[in-house]
N, C-alpha and C. Protein backbone atom coordinates (compact mmCIF):
# COMPACT_ATOMS: atom_id res chain seq x y z
N MET A 1 29.82 -13.20 -9.49
CA MET A 1 29.82 -13.98 -10.64
C MET A 1 29.34 -14.78 -11.12
N SER A 2 29.57 -16.05 -10.64
CA SER A 2 29.40 -17.40 -10.84
C SER A 2 27.49 -17.48 -10.69
N GLY A 3 26.15 -16.46 -10.67
CA GLY A 3 25.63 -16.78 -10.35
C GLY A 3 25.61 -15.76 -12.26
N MET A 4 25.77 -15.38 -12.32
CA MET A 4 25.65 -14.65 -14.35
C MET A 4 26.30 -15.72 -14.88
N ASN A 5 27.09 -16.98 -14.86
CA ASN A 5 27.83 -17.34 -15.61
C ASN A 5 26.59 -18.75 -16.00
N ASP A 6 26.37 -18.89 -14.84
CA ASP A 6 24.79 -20.77 -14.25
C ASP A 6 23.89 -19.81 -15.05
N TYR A 7 23.16 -18.74 -15.13
CA TYR A 7 21.98 -17.77 -15.94
C TYR A 7 23.03 -18.06 -17.35
N MET A 8 23.57 -17.88 -18.03
CA MET A 8 24.11 -17.57 -19.44
C MET A 8 24.24 -19.18 -19.66
N MET A 9 24.59 -20.16 -18.90
CA MET A 9 24.48 -21.02 -19.52
C MET A 9 23.58 -22.09 -19.56
N ASN A 10 22.31 -21.29 -18.83
CA ASN A 10 21.02 -21.93 -18.70
C ASN A 10 20.20 -21.37 -20.34
N ILE A 11 20.72 -19.84 -20.64
CA ILE A 11 20.15 -19.33 -21.49
C ILE A 11 20.45 -20.41 -22.97
N SER A 12 22.38 -20.48 -23.08
CA SER A 12 22.56 -21.00 -24.49
C SER A 12 22.49 -22.34 -24.10
N GLY A 13 22.21 -22.94 -23.13
CA GLY A 13 21.79 -24.57 -23.41
C GLY A 13 20.53 -24.85 -23.67
N SER A 14 19.84 -23.79 -23.58
CA SER A 14 18.15 -24.19 -24.32
C SER A 14 18.17 -24.67 -25.78
N THR A 15 16.95 -25.20 -26.12
CA THR A 15 16.97 -25.57 -27.03
C THR A 15 15.51 -24.81 -28.03
N ALA A 16 15.49 -24.83 -29.00
CA ALA A 16 14.39 -24.48 -29.56
C ALA A 16 13.01 -25.02 -28.93
N THR A 17 13.34 -26.18 -29.08
CA THR A 17 12.09 -27.03 -28.48
C THR A 17 11.47 -26.65 -27.17
N SER A 18 12.96 -26.66 -26.42
CA SER A 18 11.72 -26.15 -24.84
C SER A 18 11.50 -24.82 -24.59
N ALA A 19 12.84 -24.11 -25.62
CA ALA A 19 11.49 -22.69 -25.60
C ALA A 19 10.67 -22.33 -26.05
N SER A 20 10.04 -23.10 -27.23
CA SER A 20 9.03 -22.78 -27.79
C SER A 20 7.55 -23.67 -26.75
N SER A 21 8.05 -24.57 -26.16
CA SER A 21 6.90 -25.32 -25.25
C SER A 21 7.00 -24.23 -23.65
N LEU A 22 7.65 -23.66 -23.61
CA LEU A 22 7.64 -22.89 -22.12
C LEU A 22 6.63 -21.65 -22.78
N THR A 23 7.25 -21.13 -23.88
CA THR A 23 5.73 -20.20 -24.66
C THR A 23 4.44 -20.79 -24.98
N THR A 24 4.11 -22.17 -25.08
CA THR A 24 3.19 -23.07 -24.95
C THR A 24 2.84 -22.94 -24.03
N GLN A 25 3.55 -22.82 -23.10
CA GLN A 25 2.91 -23.34 -21.41
C GLN A 25 2.54 -22.31 -20.68
N ALA A 26 3.20 -21.10 -20.80
CA ALA A 26 3.04 -20.12 -20.81
C ALA A 26 2.07 -18.73 -21.14
N THR A 27 1.49 -19.19 -22.54
CA THR A 27 0.71 -18.21 -22.96
C THR A 27 -0.05 -18.93 -23.91
N GLY A 28 -0.41 -20.20 -23.26
CA GLY A 28 -1.39 -21.42 -24.17
C GLY A 28 -1.01 -21.28 -25.51
N LYS A 29 -0.33 -20.80 -26.42
CA LYS A 29 -0.37 -20.93 -27.61
C LYS A 29 0.51 -21.03 -28.22
N SER A 30 1.33 -21.53 -29.71
CA SER A 30 2.69 -21.82 -30.27
C SER A 30 2.84 -20.84 -31.24
N TYR A 31 1.97 -19.70 -31.34
CA TYR A 31 2.15 -19.23 -32.39
C TYR A 31 1.91 -17.67 -32.17
N LEU A 32 2.57 -16.82 -32.60
CA LEU A 32 3.16 -15.18 -32.34
C LEU A 32 1.75 -14.75 -33.15
N ASP A 33 0.70 -13.72 -32.59
CA ASP A 33 -0.13 -12.79 -32.99
C ASP A 33 0.45 -11.26 -32.89
N MET A 34 -0.41 -10.51 -33.70
CA MET A 34 0.03 -9.23 -33.63
C MET A 34 0.41 -8.04 -32.22
N ASP A 35 -0.08 -8.70 -30.99
CA ASP A 35 0.28 -8.34 -29.65
C ASP A 35 1.21 -8.82 -29.56
N ASP A 36 1.85 -10.35 -29.60
CA ASP A 36 3.40 -10.96 -29.63
C ASP A 36 4.17 -9.50 -30.17
N PHE A 37 4.19 -9.74 -31.56
CA PHE A 37 4.89 -8.73 -32.46
C PHE A 37 5.30 -7.59 -31.99
N PHE A 38 3.99 -6.55 -31.69
CA PHE A 38 4.41 -5.21 -30.76
C PHE A 38 5.11 -5.08 -29.64
N LYS A 39 4.81 -6.44 -28.72
CA LYS A 39 5.48 -6.18 -27.75
C LYS A 39 7.18 -6.28 -27.88
N LEU A 40 7.42 -7.19 -28.50
CA LEU A 40 8.70 -7.76 -29.22
C LEU A 40 9.15 -6.45 -30.36
N LEU A 41 9.13 -5.39 -30.48
CA LEU A 41 9.31 -4.64 -31.16
C LEU A 41 9.48 -3.48 -30.29
N ALA A 42 8.53 -3.53 -29.03
CA ALA A 42 8.89 -2.41 -28.15
C ALA A 42 10.04 -3.10 -27.53
N SER A 43 10.39 -3.88 -26.92
CA SER A 43 11.23 -4.13 -26.55
C SER A 43 12.48 -4.09 -27.04
N GLU A 44 12.61 -4.54 -28.81
CA GLU A 44 13.76 -3.97 -29.34
C GLU A 44 14.30 -2.71 -29.48
N LEU A 45 12.83 -1.92 -29.51
CA LEU A 45 13.49 0.14 -29.54
C LEU A 45 13.96 -0.01 -28.35
N GLN A 46 13.41 -0.23 -27.29
CA GLN A 46 13.48 -0.01 -25.82
C GLN A 46 15.72 -0.35 -25.59
N ASN A 47 16.16 -1.80 -26.34
CA ASN A 47 17.18 -2.07 -25.53
C ASN A 47 18.79 -2.12 -26.77
N GLN A 48 17.67 -1.32 -28.03
CA GLN A 48 18.91 -0.89 -29.27
C GLN A 48 19.94 -0.47 -28.48
N ASP A 49 20.96 -0.11 -29.87
CA ASP A 49 22.54 0.42 -29.60
C ASP A 49 22.10 1.88 -30.06
N MET A 50 22.29 2.95 -28.82
CA MET A 50 21.83 4.32 -29.30
C MET A 50 22.83 5.01 -30.77
N THR A 51 23.96 4.07 -30.28
CA THR A 51 25.14 4.76 -31.83
C THR A 51 24.95 4.09 -33.16
N ASN A 52 24.18 2.81 -32.82
CA ASN A 52 23.36 1.94 -34.10
C ASN A 52 21.79 1.68 -33.81
N PRO A 53 20.81 2.79 -34.39
CA PRO A 53 19.69 2.42 -34.05
C PRO A 53 19.00 1.99 -35.15
N MET A 54 17.98 1.44 -34.80
CA MET A 54 17.57 0.35 -35.77
C MET A 54 16.68 1.53 -37.24
N ASP A 55 16.86 0.09 -38.03
CA ASP A 55 16.37 1.08 -39.24
C ASP A 55 14.73 1.54 -39.68
N THR A 56 14.45 2.31 -39.85
CA THR A 56 13.23 2.80 -40.20
C THR A 56 12.57 1.99 -41.30
N SER A 57 13.01 1.56 -42.34
CA SER A 57 12.60 0.53 -43.41
C SER A 57 12.35 -0.86 -42.80
N GLU A 58 13.77 -1.07 -41.97
CA GLU A 58 13.65 -2.62 -41.68
C GLU A 58 12.29 -2.87 -40.52
N PHE A 59 12.02 -1.75 -40.21
CA PHE A 59 10.70 -1.73 -39.01
C PHE A 59 9.90 -1.72 -39.60
N MET A 60 9.46 -1.04 -40.62
CA MET A 60 8.19 -0.82 -41.75
C MET A 60 8.33 -2.27 -42.32
N SER A 61 8.92 -2.82 -42.45
CA SER A 61 9.26 -3.89 -43.16
C SER A 61 8.79 -5.12 -42.41
N GLN A 62 9.16 -5.00 -41.05
CA GLN A 62 8.59 -5.72 -40.42
C GLN A 62 6.81 -5.76 -40.30
N LEU A 63 6.88 -4.75 -39.87
CA LEU A 63 5.61 -4.38 -39.55
C LEU A 63 4.37 -4.69 -40.94
N THR A 64 4.73 -4.23 -41.96
CA THR A 64 4.26 -4.79 -43.04
C THR A 64 3.83 -6.08 -43.74
N LEU A 65 4.70 -6.91 -42.88
CA LEU A 65 5.02 -8.38 -43.41
C LEU A 65 3.91 -8.71 -42.47
N MET A 66 3.57 -9.07 -40.96
CA MET A 66 2.95 -9.26 -39.40
C MET A 66 2.22 -8.71 -40.12
N SER A 67 1.43 -7.38 -40.56
CA SER A 67 -0.30 -7.52 -41.12
C SER A 67 -1.14 -8.25 -42.27
N THR A 68 0.71 -8.29 -43.26
CA THR A 68 -0.21 -9.21 -44.38
C THR A 68 -0.08 -10.47 -43.78
N MET A 69 0.39 -11.24 -42.78
CA MET A 69 0.29 -12.68 -42.42
C MET A 69 -0.78 -12.56 -41.67
N GLN A 70 -1.55 -10.97 -40.61
CA GLN A 70 -2.43 -11.48 -39.85
C GLN A 70 -3.85 -11.39 -40.96
N ALA A 71 -3.36 -10.59 -41.82
CA ALA A 71 -4.77 -10.20 -43.20
C ALA A 71 -4.97 -11.99 -43.72
N ILE A 72 -3.82 -12.32 -44.21
CA ILE A 72 -4.04 -13.61 -44.41
C ILE A 72 -4.86 -14.68 -43.48
N THR A 73 -4.63 -14.26 -42.66
CA THR A 73 -5.25 -15.76 -41.63
C THR A 73 -6.78 -15.35 -40.90
N ASP A 74 -7.18 -13.66 -40.97
CA ASP A 74 -8.34 -13.65 -40.71
C ASP A 74 -9.30 -14.36 -42.38
N ILE A 75 -8.16 -13.66 -43.98
CA ILE A 75 -9.78 -14.82 -44.67
C ILE A 75 -9.41 -15.72 -44.74
N THR A 76 -8.63 -16.52 -44.64
CA THR A 76 -8.69 -17.73 -44.02
C THR A 76 -9.72 -18.65 -43.37
N ASN A 77 -9.88 -17.92 -41.84
CA ASN A 77 -10.80 -18.09 -40.59
C ASN A 77 -12.00 -17.60 -41.70
N VAL A 78 -12.17 -16.44 -42.42
CA VAL A 78 -13.93 -16.07 -42.39
C VAL A 78 -13.97 -17.39 -43.85
N SER A 79 -13.16 -17.52 -44.79
CA SER A 79 -13.27 -18.92 -45.64
C SER A 79 -13.97 -20.04 -45.33
N LEU A 80 -13.12 -20.46 -44.08
CA LEU A 80 -13.87 -21.82 -43.83
C LEU A 80 -15.01 -21.66 -43.52
N ILE A 81 -14.94 -20.46 -42.20
CA ILE A 81 -16.64 -20.19 -41.34
C ILE A 81 -17.79 -20.27 -42.83
N SER A 82 -17.44 -19.77 -43.96
CA SER A 82 -18.38 -19.20 -44.88
C SER A 82 -18.59 -20.65 -45.62
N TYR A 83 -17.44 -21.52 -45.45
CA TYR A 83 -17.71 -23.04 -46.14
C TYR A 83 -18.40 -23.86 -45.52
N ALA A 84 -17.96 -23.63 -43.98
CA ALA A 84 -18.72 -24.79 -43.55
C ALA A 84 -20.19 -23.99 -43.18
N ALA A 85 -20.36 -22.98 -43.06
CA ALA A 85 -21.62 -22.06 -43.14
C ALA A 85 -22.64 -22.66 -44.20
N SER A 86 -22.04 -22.72 -45.41
CA SER A 86 -22.68 -23.70 -46.60
C SER A 86 -23.14 -24.57 -46.45
N LEU A 87 -22.41 -25.88 -45.83
CA LEU A 87 -22.75 -27.05 -45.65
C LEU A 87 -24.19 -27.92 -45.08
N VAL A 88 -24.24 -26.32 -44.16
CA VAL A 88 -25.65 -26.66 -43.60
C VAL A 88 -27.11 -27.28 -44.37
N GLY A 89 -27.29 -28.32 -44.01
CA GLY A 89 -28.65 -28.86 -44.79
C GLY A 89 -28.45 -29.76 -45.92
N LYS A 90 -27.03 -29.88 -46.13
CA LYS A 90 -26.49 -30.66 -47.00
C LYS A 90 -25.95 -32.16 -46.64
N ASP A 91 -26.05 -33.19 -47.13
CA ASP A 91 -25.71 -34.57 -46.95
C ASP A 91 -24.26 -34.67 -47.35
N VAL A 92 -23.57 -35.14 -46.04
CA VAL A 92 -21.89 -35.25 -46.42
C VAL A 92 -21.43 -36.55 -46.01
N THR A 93 -20.40 -37.31 -45.75
CA THR A 93 -19.98 -38.29 -45.89
C THR A 93 -18.64 -37.96 -45.43
N VAL A 94 -18.56 -38.31 -43.73
CA VAL A 94 -17.44 -37.79 -42.83
C VAL A 94 -16.52 -38.75 -42.75
N GLY A 95 -14.84 -39.14 -42.62
CA GLY A 95 -14.21 -39.70 -42.70
C GLY A 95 -14.05 -39.79 -41.07
N GLN A 96 -13.97 -41.29 -40.51
CA GLN A 96 -13.74 -41.02 -38.85
C GLN A 96 -12.44 -42.37 -38.87
N VAL A 97 -11.12 -42.25 -38.37
CA VAL A 97 -10.27 -43.08 -38.75
C VAL A 97 -10.10 -43.49 -36.99
N SER A 98 -10.04 -44.68 -36.55
CA SER A 98 -10.15 -45.48 -35.79
C SER A 98 -8.78 -45.65 -35.65
N SER A 99 -8.59 -46.31 -34.18
CA SER A 99 -7.39 -46.50 -33.95
C SER A 99 -5.98 -47.42 -34.63
N SER A 100 -6.68 -48.26 -34.92
CA SER A 100 -6.48 -49.14 -35.95
C SER A 100 -5.67 -48.94 -37.08
N GLY A 101 -6.39 -47.48 -38.28
CA GLY A 101 -6.30 -47.28 -38.97
C GLY A 101 -7.41 -47.18 -40.11
N THR A 102 -8.47 -47.97 -39.94
CA THR A 102 -9.39 -48.14 -41.03
C THR A 102 -10.10 -47.08 -41.01
N ILE A 103 -10.58 -46.29 -41.82
CA ILE A 103 -11.94 -45.73 -41.96
C ILE A 103 -12.83 -45.92 -42.26
N THR A 104 -14.03 -45.42 -41.35
CA THR A 104 -14.97 -45.56 -41.22
C THR A 104 -15.53 -44.20 -41.97
N GLU A 105 -16.22 -44.85 -42.63
CA GLU A 105 -17.62 -43.57 -43.53
C GLU A 105 -18.83 -43.57 -42.64
N ILE A 106 -19.03 -41.95 -42.48
CA ILE A 106 -20.70 -41.78 -41.93
C ILE A 106 -21.15 -40.59 -42.75
N TYR A 107 -22.37 -41.33 -43.25
CA TYR A 107 -22.73 -40.12 -44.31
C TYR A 107 -24.39 -39.87 -43.02
N GLY A 108 -25.06 -38.13 -43.37
CA GLY A 108 -25.68 -37.80 -42.87
C GLY A 108 -25.71 -36.46 -42.71
N THR A 109 -26.49 -35.54 -42.29
CA THR A 109 -26.81 -33.70 -42.52
C THR A 109 -26.71 -33.42 -42.00
N VAL A 110 -25.24 -32.15 -42.26
CA VAL A 110 -25.45 -31.16 -41.76
C VAL A 110 -26.28 -30.48 -41.02
N THR A 111 -26.56 -30.35 -39.38
CA THR A 111 -27.42 -29.92 -39.21
C THR A 111 -26.68 -28.35 -38.02
N GLY A 112 -25.62 -28.39 -38.59
CA GLY A 112 -25.13 -26.75 -37.68
C GLY A 112 -23.50 -26.67 -38.24
N THR A 113 -22.92 -25.79 -37.67
CA THR A 113 -21.17 -25.61 -37.68
C THR A 113 -21.42 -24.69 -36.42
N GLY A 114 -19.66 -24.89 -36.14
CA GLY A 114 -19.31 -23.80 -35.40
C GLY A 114 -17.57 -24.19 -34.79
N MET A 115 -17.22 -23.48 -33.67
CA MET A 115 -15.79 -23.77 -33.31
C MET A 115 -15.68 -24.17 -32.29
N TYR A 116 -14.54 -25.18 -32.43
CA TYR A 116 -14.32 -25.63 -31.19
C TYR A 116 -12.57 -26.17 -30.54
N ALA A 117 -12.19 -25.40 -29.25
CA ALA A 117 -10.43 -25.77 -29.65
C ALA A 117 -9.96 -24.95 -30.80
N GLY A 118 -10.81 -24.07 -31.23
CA GLY A 118 -10.17 -23.23 -32.48
C GLY A 118 -10.18 -23.75 -34.02
N GLN A 119 -11.23 -24.82 -34.28
CA GLN A 119 -11.33 -25.81 -34.99
C GLN A 119 -12.68 -25.56 -35.47
N GLN A 120 -12.65 -25.20 -36.98
CA GLN A 120 -13.99 -25.36 -37.79
C GLN A 120 -14.54 -26.75 -37.36
N VAL A 121 -15.39 -26.70 -37.13
CA VAL A 121 -16.38 -28.14 -36.90
C VAL A 121 -17.39 -27.97 -37.36
N VAL A 122 -18.78 -29.25 -38.20
CA VAL A 122 -19.21 -29.37 -38.55
C VAL A 122 -20.28 -30.95 -37.72
N PHE A 123 -21.68 -30.09 -37.28
CA PHE A 123 -22.72 -31.34 -36.55
C PHE A 123 -22.94 -32.08 -37.15
N VAL A 124 -22.69 -33.51 -37.58
CA VAL A 124 -24.27 -34.31 -38.35
C VAL A 124 -24.22 -35.53 -37.43
N ASP A 125 -25.87 -35.33 -38.16
CA ASP A 125 -26.49 -36.34 -36.89
C ASP A 125 -26.23 -36.37 -35.17
N GLY A 126 -26.32 -34.78 -34.77
CA GLY A 126 -26.07 -34.65 -33.33
C GLY A 126 -24.35 -35.14 -32.87
N LYS A 127 -23.79 -35.38 -33.78
CA LYS A 127 -22.19 -35.03 -33.44
C LYS A 127 -21.38 -34.45 -34.22
N SER A 128 -20.66 -33.63 -33.12
CA SER A 128 -19.52 -32.96 -33.72
C SER A 128 -18.11 -33.68 -34.75
N TYR A 129 -18.49 -33.32 -35.85
CA TYR A 129 -16.89 -33.57 -36.59
C TYR A 129 -16.09 -32.45 -37.24
N ALA A 130 -14.81 -32.78 -36.92
CA ALA A 130 -13.85 -31.79 -37.56
C ALA A 130 -14.25 -31.26 -39.04
N LEU A 131 -14.26 -30.09 -39.81
CA LEU A 131 -14.53 -29.84 -41.30
C LEU A 131 -13.27 -30.49 -42.12
N SER A 132 -12.14 -30.50 -41.66
CA SER A 132 -11.48 -31.60 -42.58
C SER A 132 -11.70 -32.96 -42.50
N SER A 133 -12.34 -33.46 -41.92
CA SER A 133 -12.75 -34.86 -42.10
C SER A 133 -13.93 -35.06 -42.87
N ILE A 134 -14.13 -33.84 -43.58
CA ILE A 134 -15.37 -34.36 -44.44
C ILE A 134 -14.73 -34.71 -46.16
N MET A 135 -15.07 -36.04 -46.33
CA MET A 135 -14.72 -36.53 -47.47
C MET A 135 -15.35 -36.88 -48.61
N ALA A 136 -17.07 -36.17 -48.69
CA ALA A 136 -17.53 -35.79 -50.24
C ALA A 136 -18.63 -35.18 -49.07
N VAL A 137 -19.06 -34.56 -50.30
CA VAL A 137 -20.50 -33.73 -50.21
C VAL A 137 -21.06 -34.23 -50.74
N GLY A 138 -22.29 -35.18 -50.43
CA GLY A 138 -22.91 -36.29 -50.81
C GLY A 138 -22.72 -37.39 -50.35
N LYS A 139 -23.09 -38.41 -50.99
CA LYS A 139 -22.46 -39.90 -50.60
C LYS A 139 -21.42 -40.30 -51.44
N LEU A 140 -20.64 -41.05 -51.02
CA LEU A 140 -19.51 -41.22 -51.60
C LEU A 140 -20.14 -42.98 -52.31
N PRO A 141 -19.61 -43.36 -53.57
CA PRO A 141 -20.51 -44.25 -54.56
C PRO A 141 -19.14 -45.74 -53.32
N ASP A 142 -20.54 -46.53 -53.72
CA ASP A 142 -20.30 -48.19 -52.86
C ASP A 142 -19.52 -48.25 -54.14
N LYS A 143 -18.26 -49.26 -53.13
CA LYS A 143 -16.61 -49.96 -53.92
C LYS A 143 -17.01 -50.87 -54.76
N GLU A 144 -17.07 -51.13 -56.05
CA GLU A 144 -17.48 -52.21 -56.58
C GLU A 144 -16.22 -53.00 -56.49
N PRO A 145 -16.45 -54.52 -56.48
CA PRO A 145 -15.20 -55.44 -56.47
C PRO A 145 -14.25 -55.38 -58.03
N GLU A 146 -13.48 -55.96 -57.57
CA GLU A 146 -12.31 -55.17 -58.67
C GLU A 146 -12.51 -56.54 -60.19
N ALA A 147 -12.91 -55.72 -60.90
CA ALA A 147 -13.39 -56.79 -61.94
C ALA A 147 -12.08 -57.25 -62.98
N ALA A 148 -12.16 -58.24 -63.35
CA ALA A 148 -11.07 -58.57 -64.17
C ALA A 148 -11.16 -57.87 -65.41
N SER A 149 -9.72 -57.40 -65.92
CA SER A 149 -10.00 -56.74 -67.20
C SER A 149 -10.04 -57.52 -68.61
N THR A 150 -10.91 -57.43 -69.21
CA THR A 150 -11.25 -58.40 -70.58
C THR A 150 -10.23 -57.40 -71.54
N GLY A 151 -9.88 -56.31 -71.79
CA GLY A 151 -9.24 -55.99 -73.17
C GLY A 151 -9.96 -55.35 -73.81
N GLU A 152 -11.17 -55.94 -73.54
CA GLU A 152 -11.98 -55.24 -74.64
C GLU A 152 -12.90 -54.04 -73.97
N GLY A 153 -12.95 -52.73 -74.83
CA GLY A 153 -14.10 -51.61 -74.50
C GLY A 153 -12.94 -50.50 -73.00
N ASP A 154 -11.94 -51.57 -73.00
CA ASP A 154 -10.94 -50.75 -72.26
C ASP A 154 -10.15 -49.41 -72.91
N LEU A 155 -9.98 -48.47 -72.23
CA LEU A 155 -9.47 -47.08 -72.97
C LEU A 155 -7.84 -47.54 -72.30
């Protein structure tokens, strides 16, 4: 009996963070996909109380929600891939943040695009950069020194 109490203490003593990290370590991901949803649903159906079975409308609601989330994720991924592909051959300015926090602007031509570690990347002059690090399509204007305002001609 004490073994069962120890087991229950471990369950109640666990935190969301540790459960999340265990899931990430075991599956290599920190999100749920449709396969995970169907496994949870099958487990829920197998372990339901026969005197109070799961509501069919609740089941359909969960399935619809998960399908909608999957469709939105797929559309987002296709949009990112399409956008990255549209940049091939164009000049872009990429921002690279150093460890000290300064931003270095890299100007070059996008020669290709792809996925790396689940993230969309672009290749600029032989190096890969995250799509999200693009600061501008084209060259950013040079910074002009701050001119003192004369008050004339200013709006």
